[in-house]
Amino acid sequence: LKQTSIHYSYFYQALQPYVHYVPFWETGEDDILDVLDWIKRRPQEARRIARAGREFARSHLQRPARLCYWRFLLREYAKALRYKPSLDLHPNAIPLDEEPMMLSVRPDGLGGRAAG
């Protein structure tokens, strides 16, 4: 289950309703009852959706995948800056290069651990 909300996280675009989750709060706060009834009437489909949601979480929300996302995001952000980012003015900052996961690069160039 995933509620409809104004709040957004980086991985939401990759989630698909009725593939990775069953949406609720689309029409109002009480539509959860209809959603639960829908799930009860379709136990096999609900299990399939739950499995897909778990697999999505395993592959996209574990630490290596999150670090891959952050590495990509920060590199793209740095390209948009008009100056070269530096840690010189931030003595308490920890360089990303000291994070082992940030050092490895996938074959597609995004970062994080390569498969295999």
C-alpha atoms as a PDB file:
ATOM      1  CA  LEU A   1       0.000   0.000   0.000  1.00  0.00           C
ATOM      2  CA  LYS A   2       1.105   3.563  -0.674  1.00  0.00           C
ATOM      3  CA  GLN A   3      -0.895   6.646   0.133  1.00  0.00           C
ATOM      4  CA  THR A   4      -1.342   9.486  -2.326  1.00  0.00           C
ATOM      5  CA  SER A   5       0.526  12.459  -0.905  1.00  0.00           C
ATOM      6  CA  ILE A   6       2.089  15.794  -1.760  1.00  0.00           C
ATOM      7  CA  HIS A   7       5.347  14.454  -0.299  1.00  0.00           C
ATOM      8  CA  TYR A   8       7.775  12.962  -2.769  1.00  0.00           C
ATOM      9  CA  SER A   9      10.891  10.825  -2.601  1.00  0.00           C
ATOM     10  CA  TYR A  10      13.555  10.253  -5.236  1.00  0.00           C
ATOM     11  CA  PHE A  11      12.378   6.757  -6.164  1.00  0.00           C
ATOM     12  CA  TYR A  12       8.638   7.451  -6.548  1.00  0.00           C
ATOM     13  CA  GLN A  13       8.852   7.966 -10.324  1.00  0.00           C
ATOM     14  CA  ALA A  14      10.046   4.399 -10.706  1.00  0.00           C
ATOM     15  CA  LEU A  15       7.130   2.942  -8.730  1.00  0.00           C
ATOM     16  CA  GLN A  16       4.062   1.841 -10.661  1.00  0.00           C
ATOM     17  CA  PRO A  17       0.595   1.526  -9.095  1.00  0.00           C
ATOM     18  CA  TYR A  18      -0.758  -2.042  -9.047  1.00  0.00           C
ATOM     19  CA  VAL A  19       2.725  -3.268  -9.986  1.00  0.00           C
ATOM     20  CA  HIS A  20       4.748  -2.244  -6.904  1.00  0.00           C
ATOM     21  CA  TYR A  21       1.961  -1.001  -4.612  1.00  0.00           C
ATOM     22  CA  VAL A  22      -1.771  -0.507  -4.258  1.00  0.00           C
ATOM     23  CA  PRO A  23      -2.632   3.205  -3.989  1.00  0.00           C
ATOM     24  CA  PHE A  24      -5.015   4.697  -1.445  1.00  0.00           C
ATOM     25  CA  TRP A  25      -6.177   8.170  -0.369  1.00  0.00           C
ATOM     26  CA  GLU A  26      -6.801   8.979  -4.019  1.00  0.00           C
ATOM     27  CA  THR A  27     -10.427  10.032  -3.488  1.00  0.00           C
ATOM     28  CA  GLY A  28     -10.475  10.603   0.265  1.00  0.00           C
ATOM     29  CA  GLU A  29      -9.299   9.316   3.613  1.00  0.00           C
ATOM     30  CA  ASP A  30     -11.914   6.573   3.760  1.00  0.00           C
ATOM     31  CA  ASP A  31     -11.074   4.938   0.419  1.00  0.00           C
ATOM     32  CA  ILE A  32      -8.639   2.717   2.311  1.00  0.00           C
ATOM     33  CA  LEU A  33     -11.607   0.510   3.206  1.00  0.00           C
ATOM     34  CA  ASP A  34     -12.377  -0.054  -0.484  1.00  0.00           C
ATOM     35  CA  VAL A  35      -8.705  -0.728  -1.156  1.00  0.00           C
ATOM     36  CA  LEU A  36      -8.525  -3.329   1.618  1.00  0.00           C
ATOM     37  CA  ASP A  37     -11.660  -4.952   0.229  1.00  0.00           C
ATOM     38  CA  TRP A  38     -10.073  -4.980  -3.253  1.00  0.00           C
ATOM     39  CA  ILE A  39      -7.002  -6.716  -1.798  1.00  0.00           C
ATOM     40  CA  LYS A  40      -9.114  -9.318   0.047  1.00  0.00           C
ATOM     41  CA  ARG A  41     -10.937 -10.196  -3.179  1.00  0.00           C
ATOM     42  CA  ARG A  42      -7.651 -10.610  -5.112  1.00  0.00           C
ATOM     43  CA  PRO A  43      -5.182 -12.436  -2.846  1.00  0.00           C
ATOM     44  CA  GLN A  44      -3.002 -13.757  -5.690  1.00  0.00           C
ATOM     45  CA  GLU A  45      -2.727 -10.332  -7.298  1.00  0.00           C
ATOM     46  CA  ALA A  46      -1.995  -8.777  -3.895  1.00  0.00           C
ATOM     47  CA  ARG A  47       0.843 -11.289  -3.354  1.00  0.00           C
ATOM     48  CA  ARG A  48       2.253 -10.525  -6.813  1.00  0.00           C
ATOM     49  CA  ILE A  49       2.198  -6.793  -6.067  1.00  0.00           C
ATOM     50  CA  ALA A  50       3.806  -7.362  -2.654  1.00  0.00           C
ATOM     51  CA  ARG A  51       6.591  -9.459  -4.222  1.00  0.00           C
ATOM     52  CA  ALA A  52       7.245  -6.801  -6.856  1.00  0.00           C
ATOM     53  CA  GLY A  53       7.325  -4.105  -4.160  1.00  0.00           C
ATOM     54  CA  ARG A  54       9.807  -6.092  -2.058  1.00  0.00           C
ATOM     55  CA  GLU A  55      12.026  -6.714  -5.084  1.00  0.00           C
ATOM     56  CA  PHE A  56      11.911  -3.025  -5.971  1.00  0.00           C
ATOM     57  CA  ALA A  57      12.976  -2.145  -2.425  1.00  0.00           C
ATOM     58  CA  ARG A  58      15.814  -4.697  -2.494  1.00  0.00           C
ATOM     59  CA  SER A  59      17.196  -3.421  -5.774  1.00  0.00           C
ATOM     60  CA  HIS A  60      16.543   0.330  -5.467  1.00  0.00           C
ATOM     61  CA  LEU A  61      16.410   1.264  -1.792  1.00  0.00           C
ATOM     62  CA  GLN A  62      19.377  -0.541  -0.248  1.00  0.00           C
ATOM     63  CA  ARG A  63      22.447   1.476   0.682  1.00  0.00           C
ATOM     64  CA  PRO A  64      24.437   0.777  -2.532  1.00  0.00           C
ATOM     65  CA  ALA A  65      21.565   1.939  -4.727  1.00  0.00           C
ATOM     66  CA  ARG A  66      20.981   5.049  -2.604  1.00  0.00           C
ATOM     67  CA  LEU A  67      24.675   5.925  -2.763  1.00  0.00           C
ATOM     68  CA  CYS A  68      24.602   5.424  -6.510  1.00  0.00           C
ATOM     69  CA  TYR A  69      21.696   7.858  -6.733  1.00  0.00           C
ATOM     70  CA  TRP A  70      23.422  10.446  -4.539  1.00  0.00           C
ATOM     71  CA  ARG A  71      26.677  10.150  -6.462  1.00  0.00           C
ATOM     72  CA  PHE A  72      24.882  10.690  -9.756  1.00  0.00           C
ATOM     73  CA  LEU A  73      22.801  13.554  -8.329  1.00  0.00           C
ATOM     74  CA  LEU A  74      25.785  15.387  -6.845  1.00  0.00           C
ATOM     75  CA  ARG A  75      27.864  15.007 -10.009  1.00  0.00           C
ATOM     76  CA  GLU A  76      25.031  16.388 -12.132  1.00  0.00           C
ATOM     77  CA  TYR A  77      24.475  19.225  -9.653  1.00  0.00           C
ATOM     78  CA  ALA A  78      28.199  20.071  -9.682  1.00  0.00           C
ATOM     79  CA  LYS A  79      28.071  20.376 -13.495  1.00  0.00           C
ATOM     80  CA  ALA A  80      25.404  23.077 -13.151  1.00  0.00           C
ATOM     81  CA  LEU A  81      27.450  25.193 -10.739  1.00  0.00           C
ATOM     82  CA  ARG A  82      29.421  28.205 -11.937  1.00  0.00           C
ATOM     83  CA  TYR A  83      32.287  27.360  -9.616  1.00  0.00           C
ATOM     84  CA  LYS A  84      34.234  24.234  -8.743  1.00  0.00           C
ATOM     85  CA  PRO A  85      32.927  22.693  -5.499  1.00  0.00           C
ATOM     86  CA  SER A  86      35.556  22.492  -2.776  1.00  0.00           C
ATOM     87  CA  LEU A  87      35.726  21.193   0.776  1.00  0.00           C
ATOM     88  CA  ASP A  88      38.283  23.849   1.755  1.00  0.00           C
ATOM     89  CA  LEU A  89      35.654  26.065   3.385  1.00  0.00           C
ATOM     90  CA  HIS A  90      33.950  23.125   5.120  1.00  0.00           C
ATOM     91  CA  PRO A  91      36.451  21.446   7.486  1.00  0.00           C
ATOM     92  CA  ASN A  92      33.813  19.092   8.981  1.00  0.00           C
ATOM     93  CA  ALA A  93      32.617  17.758   5.623  1.00  0.00           C
ATOM     94  CA  ILE A  94      33.499  14.204   4.686  1.00  0.00           C
ATOM     95  CA  PRO A  95      34.669  13.764   1.096  1.00  0.00           C
ATOM     96  CA  LEU A  96      32.520  11.336  -0.842  1.00  0.00           C
ATOM     97  CA  ASP A  97      35.697   9.753  -2.172  1.00  0.00           C
ATOM     98  CA  GLU A  98      36.249   8.295   1.306  1.00  0.00           C
ATOM     99  CA  GLU A  99      33.045   6.242   0.974  1.00  0.00           C
ATOM    100  CA  PRO A 100      34.037   2.892  -0.622  1.00  0.00           C
ATOM    101  CA  MET A 101      30.702   2.566  -2.427  1.00  0.00           C
ATOM    102  CA  MET A 102      31.216   5.968  -4.020  1.00  0.00           C
ATOM    103  CA  LEU A 103      34.566   4.918  -5.447  1.00  0.00           C
ATOM    104  CA  SER A 104      33.292   2.031  -7.534  1.00  0.00           C
ATOM    105  CA  VAL A 105      31.682   2.737 -10.885  1.00  0.00           C
ATOM    106  CA  ARG A 106      29.121   0.660 -12.722  1.00  0.00           C
ATOM    107  CA  PRO A 107      29.641  -0.130 -16.415  1.00  0.00           C
ATOM    108  CA  ASP A 108      26.962   2.453 -17.262  1.00  0.00           C
ATOM    109  CA  GLY A 109      29.044   5.132 -15.490  1.00  0.00           C
ATOM    110  CA  LEU A 110      26.504   5.919 -12.783  1.00  0.00           C
ATOM    111  CA  GLY A 111      28.439   4.708  -9.768  1.00  0.00           C
ATOM    112  CA  GLY A 112      27.796   2.157  -7.075  1.00  0.00           C
ATOM    113  CA  ARG A 113      28.860  -1.464  -7.354  1.00  0.00           C
ATOM    114  CA  ALA A 114      28.951  -3.152 -10.702  1.00  0.00           C
ATOM    115  CA  ALA A 115      26.910  -6.315 -10.958  1.00  0.00           C
ATOM    116  CA  GLY A 116      28.866  -9.545 -10.903  1.00  0.00           C
END
